[in-house]
Amino acid sequence: MGNISWDIVIPLAIILVFNISLFILIRVKVIQRMKLTKNLITVMLVVTLVPILCIVFTNERKTSAIIFNEECEKLESVGNTRAMFLSQQLEDAMADAESIA
């Protein structure tokens, strides 16, 4: 169970807690006293959308970081390849210069 992405689990747990608390408020008739019965769908949408937006935000940041790291690794490997190529070219040039001299 070590592969669980806590960036997704935590906001989903928040959605669950909000929905349970909303259900409890309905059962206790707090929402009826607050005259929110007409706006119950709006309340549930707001309560559910906040954690979903948190999921989207954290996953976007994580994805950006992963892409950035992959591009940095690609650039490093290209740099290392070019350095090896230039090193080989310099060694060949030095060997040619020594043989001419």
N, C-alpha and C. Protein backbone atom coordinates (compact mmCIF):
# COMPACT_ATOMS: atom_id res chain seq x y z
N MET A 1 0.81 -1.18 0.00
CA MET A 1 0.00 0.00 0.00
C MET A 1 0.86 1.25 0.00
N GLY A 2 2.13 1.11 -0.31
CA GLY A 2 3.02 2.26 -0.33
C GLY A 2 2.89 3.11 -1.57
N ASN A 3 2.14 2.65 -2.57
CA ASN A 3 2.00 3.41 -3.81
C ASN A 3 0.85 4.38 -3.80
N ILE A 4 0.20 4.56 -2.66
CA ILE A 4 -0.96 5.48 -2.59
C ILE A 4 -0.47 6.90 -2.77
N SER A 5 -1.14 7.63 -3.64
CA SER A 5 -0.81 9.04 -3.84
C SER A 5 -1.61 9.86 -2.83
N TRP A 6 -0.92 10.36 -1.83
CA TRP A 6 -1.61 11.10 -0.76
C TRP A 6 -2.16 12.42 -1.27
N ASP A 7 -1.68 12.90 -2.42
CA ASP A 7 -2.23 14.12 -2.99
C ASP A 7 -3.67 13.93 -3.43
N ILE A 8 -4.05 12.70 -3.71
CA ILE A 8 -5.42 12.42 -4.11
C ILE A 8 -6.25 11.95 -2.93
N VAL A 9 -5.66 11.15 -2.03
CA VAL A 9 -6.40 10.58 -0.93
C VAL A 9 -6.88 11.64 0.05
N ILE A 10 -6.02 12.60 0.38
CA ILE A 10 -6.39 13.61 1.37
C ILE A 10 -7.57 14.46 0.91
N PRO A 11 -7.56 15.04 -0.31
CA PRO A 11 -8.76 15.79 -0.71
C PRO A 11 -10.01 14.93 -0.82
N LEU A 12 -9.87 13.66 -1.23
CA LEU A 12 -11.05 12.80 -1.27
C LEU A 12 -11.59 12.53 0.13
N ALA A 13 -10.69 12.43 1.10
CA ALA A 13 -11.12 12.28 2.49
C ALA A 13 -11.84 13.55 2.95
N ILE A 14 -11.35 14.70 2.51
CA ILE A 14 -12.02 15.96 2.86
C ILE A 14 -13.42 16.00 2.26
N ILE A 15 -13.57 15.55 1.02
CA ILE A 15 -14.90 15.48 0.39
C ILE A 15 -15.81 14.59 1.23
N LEU A 16 -15.31 13.44 1.63
CA LEU A 16 -16.10 12.51 2.42
C LEU A 16 -16.52 13.13 3.74
N VAL A 17 -15.60 13.80 4.42
CA VAL A 17 -15.92 14.44 5.70
C VAL A 17 -16.95 15.54 5.51
N PHE A 18 -16.79 16.35 4.46
CA PHE A 18 -17.76 17.42 4.20
C PHE A 18 -19.14 16.84 3.91
N ASN A 19 -19.20 15.80 3.10
CA ASN A 19 -20.49 15.21 2.78
C ASN A 19 -21.15 14.57 4.00
N ILE A 20 -20.35 13.92 4.83
CA ILE A 20 -20.90 13.34 6.06
C ILE A 20 -21.40 14.43 6.99
N SER A 21 -20.60 15.51 7.13
CA SER A 21 -21.05 16.60 8.00
C SER A 21 -22.31 17.26 7.45
N LEU A 22 -22.41 17.36 6.14
CA LEU A 22 -23.60 17.92 5.53
C LEU A 22 -24.80 17.01 5.79
N PHE A 23 -24.59 15.70 5.69
CA PHE A 23 -25.66 14.76 5.99
C PHE A 23 -26.10 14.88 7.44
N ILE A 24 -25.14 15.02 8.34
CA ILE A 24 -25.48 15.17 9.77
C ILE A 24 -26.25 16.46 10.00
N LEU A 25 -25.83 17.53 9.34
CA LEU A 25 -26.55 18.80 9.50
C LEU A 25 -27.98 18.69 8.97
N ILE A 26 -28.16 17.93 7.91
CA ILE A 26 -29.52 17.73 7.39
C ILE A 26 -30.35 16.92 8.39
N ARG A 27 -29.76 15.88 8.96
CA ARG A 27 -30.49 15.04 9.91
C ARG A 27 -30.84 15.81 11.19
N VAL A 28 -29.97 16.71 11.60
CA VAL A 28 -30.21 17.48 12.82
C VAL A 28 -31.14 18.66 12.54
N LYS A 29 -31.43 18.86 11.28
CA LYS A 29 -32.32 19.91 10.81
C LYS A 29 -31.75 21.31 11.00
N VAL A 30 -30.42 21.40 11.00
CA VAL A 30 -29.77 22.71 11.07
C VAL A 30 -29.95 23.42 9.74
N ILE A 31 -29.84 22.67 8.65
CA ILE A 31 -29.94 23.29 7.34
C ILE A 31 -31.35 23.80 7.09
N GLN A 32 -32.38 23.06 7.59
CA GLN A 32 -33.74 23.55 7.41
C GLN A 32 -33.95 24.86 8.17
N ARG A 33 -33.34 24.97 9.36
CA ARG A 33 -33.47 26.22 10.12
C ARG A 33 -32.72 27.35 9.46
N MET A 34 -31.65 27.02 8.72
CA MET A 34 -30.89 28.07 8.05
C MET A 34 -31.50 28.41 6.69
N LYS A 35 -32.60 27.75 6.33
CA LYS A 35 -33.29 28.00 5.07
C LYS A 35 -32.40 27.72 3.86
N LEU A 36 -31.60 26.65 3.97
CA LEU A 36 -30.71 26.28 2.87
C LEU A 36 -31.23 25.10 2.07
N THR A 37 -32.45 24.66 2.36
CA THR A 37 -32.94 23.48 1.66
C THR A 37 -33.04 23.73 0.17
N LYS A 38 -33.37 24.95 -0.23
CA LYS A 38 -33.46 25.25 -1.66
C LYS A 38 -32.08 25.29 -2.31
N ASN A 39 -31.10 25.64 -1.56
CA ASN A 39 -29.75 25.77 -2.10
C ASN A 39 -28.86 24.58 -1.75
N LEU A 40 -29.46 23.47 -1.40
CA LEU A 40 -28.69 22.31 -0.98
C LEU A 40 -27.77 21.80 -2.09
N ILE A 41 -28.24 21.81 -3.31
CA ILE A 41 -27.40 21.36 -4.43
C ILE A 41 -26.20 22.28 -4.58
N THR A 42 -26.42 23.58 -4.43
CA THR A 42 -25.32 24.54 -4.53
C THR A 42 -24.32 24.31 -3.41
N VAL A 43 -24.81 24.07 -2.21
CA VAL A 43 -23.93 23.82 -1.06
C VAL A 43 -23.11 22.56 -1.30
N MET A 44 -23.74 21.51 -1.78
CA MET A 44 -23.00 20.26 -2.02
C MET A 44 -21.97 20.44 -3.13
N LEU A 45 -22.32 21.20 -4.17
CA LEU A 45 -21.36 21.46 -5.23
C LEU A 45 -20.15 22.22 -4.71
N VAL A 46 -20.39 23.23 -3.90
CA VAL A 46 -19.27 24.01 -3.35
C VAL A 46 -18.41 23.14 -2.46
N VAL A 47 -19.07 22.35 -1.61
CA VAL A 47 -18.33 21.50 -0.67
C VAL A 47 -17.53 20.44 -1.41
N THR A 48 -18.02 19.98 -2.54
CA THR A 48 -17.33 18.94 -3.30
C THR A 48 -16.27 19.51 -4.23
N LEU A 49 -16.51 20.69 -4.78
CA LEU A 49 -15.57 21.25 -5.74
C LEU A 49 -14.27 21.74 -5.11
N VAL A 50 -14.31 22.18 -3.86
CA VAL A 50 -13.08 22.69 -3.23
C VAL A 50 -12.01 21.60 -3.15
N PRO A 51 -12.30 20.41 -2.63
CA PRO A 51 -11.25 19.37 -2.63
C PRO A 51 -10.85 18.92 -4.03
N ILE A 52 -11.80 18.90 -4.96
CA ILE A 52 -11.45 18.50 -6.33
C ILE A 52 -10.48 19.51 -6.93
N LEU A 53 -10.71 20.79 -6.67
CA LEU A 53 -9.77 21.80 -7.15
C LEU A 53 -8.41 21.64 -6.48
N CYS A 54 -8.40 21.23 -5.21
CA CYS A 54 -7.12 20.95 -4.53
C CYS A 54 -6.39 19.81 -5.22
N ILE A 55 -7.13 18.77 -5.61
CA ILE A 55 -6.52 17.63 -6.31
C ILE A 55 -5.90 18.11 -7.63
N VAL A 56 -6.67 18.88 -8.38
CA VAL A 56 -6.18 19.36 -9.68
C VAL A 56 -4.93 20.21 -9.49
N PHE A 57 -4.94 21.11 -8.51
CA PHE A 57 -3.80 22.00 -8.28
C PHE A 57 -2.56 21.22 -7.88
N THR A 58 -2.70 20.29 -6.93
CA THR A 58 -1.51 19.54 -6.48
C THR A 58 -0.98 18.63 -7.57
N ASN A 59 -1.88 18.00 -8.33
CA ASN A 59 -1.41 17.13 -9.41
C ASN A 59 -0.76 17.92 -10.53
N GLU A 60 -1.26 19.12 -10.80
CA GLU A 60 -0.63 19.97 -11.83
C GLU A 60 0.77 20.35 -11.40
N ARG A 61 0.93 20.71 -10.14
CA ARG A 61 2.27 21.07 -9.64
C ARG A 61 3.21 19.87 -9.67
N LYS A 62 2.70 18.71 -9.27
CA LYS A 62 3.54 17.51 -9.25
C LYS A 62 3.94 17.12 -10.67
N THR A 63 2.99 17.20 -11.60
CA THR A 63 3.28 16.87 -12.99
C THR A 63 4.30 17.83 -13.57
N SER A 64 4.16 19.12 -13.26
CA SER A 64 5.13 20.10 -13.74
C SER A 64 6.53 19.79 -13.21
N ALA A 65 6.61 19.42 -11.94
CA ALA A 65 7.91 19.10 -11.36
C ALA A 65 8.52 17.87 -12.02
N ILE A 66 7.70 16.87 -12.30
CA ILE A 66 8.20 15.65 -12.95
C ILE A 66 8.71 15.96 -14.35
N ILE A 67 7.93 16.74 -15.10
CA ILE A 67 8.35 17.10 -16.47
C ILE A 67 9.63 17.92 -16.43
N PHE A 68 9.74 18.86 -15.48
CA PHE A 68 10.94 19.67 -15.35
C PHE A 68 12.15 18.80 -15.06
N ASN A 69 12.01 17.84 -14.14
CA ASN A 69 13.12 16.95 -13.80
C ASN A 69 13.54 16.09 -14.99
N GLU A 70 12.56 15.59 -15.74
CA GLU A 70 12.89 14.77 -16.92
C GLU A 70 13.64 15.59 -17.96
N GLU A 71 13.20 16.83 -18.19
CA GLU A 71 13.88 17.68 -19.17
C GLU A 71 15.29 18.02 -18.71
N CYS A 72 15.47 18.25 -17.41
CA CYS A 72 16.82 18.52 -16.90
C CYS A 72 17.73 17.32 -17.10
N GLU A 73 17.20 16.12 -16.86
CA GLU A 73 18.00 14.91 -17.07
C GLU A 73 18.36 14.73 -18.55
N LYS A 74 17.41 15.04 -19.43
CA LYS A 74 17.71 14.95 -20.87
C LYS A 74 18.80 15.94 -21.25
N LEU A 75 18.71 17.17 -20.75
CA LEU A 75 19.73 18.18 -21.05
C LEU A 75 21.09 17.77 -20.51
N GLU A 76 21.11 17.17 -19.32
CA GLU A 76 22.38 16.70 -18.76
C GLU A 76 22.98 15.62 -19.64
N SER A 77 22.16 14.68 -20.09
CA SER A 77 22.71 13.60 -20.92
C SER A 77 23.20 14.15 -22.26
N VAL A 78 22.50 15.11 -22.84
CA VAL A 78 22.97 15.73 -24.08
C VAL A 78 24.28 16.45 -23.84
N GLY A 79 24.37 17.17 -22.72
CA GLY A 79 25.62 17.87 -22.38
C GLY A 79 26.77 16.92 -22.18
N ASN A 80 26.51 15.81 -21.49
CA ASN A 80 27.56 14.81 -21.28
C ASN A 80 28.01 14.18 -22.60
N THR A 81 27.05 13.90 -23.48
CA THR A 81 27.39 13.33 -24.78
C THR A 81 28.26 14.29 -25.60
N ARG A 82 27.86 15.56 -25.60
CA ARG A 82 28.65 16.56 -26.34
C ARG A 82 30.02 16.74 -25.73
N ALA A 83 30.11 16.70 -24.40
CA ALA A 83 31.41 16.83 -23.74
C ALA A 83 32.32 15.66 -24.13
N MET A 84 31.76 14.44 -24.15
CA MET A 84 32.56 13.28 -24.55
C MET A 84 33.00 13.42 -26.01
N PHE A 85 32.11 13.91 -26.88
CA PHE A 85 32.43 14.08 -28.29
C PHE A 85 33.55 15.10 -28.46
N LEU A 86 33.45 16.25 -27.76
CA LEU A 86 34.48 17.28 -27.86
C LEU A 86 35.81 16.79 -27.29
N SER A 87 35.73 16.03 -26.22
CA SER A 87 36.95 15.47 -25.63
C SER A 87 37.65 14.55 -26.62
N GLN A 88 36.88 13.71 -27.28
CA GLN A 88 37.44 12.80 -28.27
C GLN A 88 38.03 13.59 -29.44
N GLN A 89 37.35 14.63 -29.89
CA GLN A 89 37.85 15.45 -30.99
C GLN A 89 39.16 16.14 -30.60
N LEU A 90 39.23 16.64 -29.36
CA LEU A 90 40.47 17.28 -28.90
C LEU A 90 41.61 16.28 -28.81
N GLU A 91 41.34 15.08 -28.33
CA GLU A 91 42.37 14.06 -28.26
C GLU A 91 42.86 13.69 -29.66
N ASP A 92 41.93 13.58 -30.62
CA ASP A 92 42.32 13.27 -32.00
C ASP A 92 43.16 14.41 -32.58
N ALA A 93 42.76 15.65 -32.29
CA ALA A 93 43.52 16.80 -32.81
C ALA A 93 44.91 16.83 -32.20
N MET A 94 45.01 16.51 -30.90
CA MET A 94 46.34 16.49 -30.25
C MET A 94 47.20 15.38 -30.83
N ALA A 95 46.60 14.22 -31.10
CA ALA A 95 47.36 13.10 -31.68
C ALA A 95 47.83 13.48 -33.09
N ASP A 96 46.96 14.17 -33.86
CA ASP A 96 47.35 14.62 -35.21
C ASP A 96 48.47 15.64 -35.13
N ALA A 97 48.38 16.57 -34.17
CA ALA A 97 49.40 17.61 -34.02
C ALA A 97 50.74 16.98 -33.64
N GLU A 98 50.71 15.98 -32.76
CA GLU A 98 51.95 15.32 -32.35
C GLU A 98 52.57 14.54 -33.51
N SER A 99 51.71 13.92 -34.31
CA SER A 99 52.26 13.14 -35.43
C SER A 99 52.84 14.08 -36.51
N ILE A 100 52.23 15.25 -36.69
CA ILE A 100 52.76 16.23 -37.65
C ILE A 100 54.06 16.82 -37.15
N ALA A 101 54.12 17.06 -35.84
CA ALA A 101 55.32 17.66 -35.28
C ALA A 101 56.40 16.61 -35.25
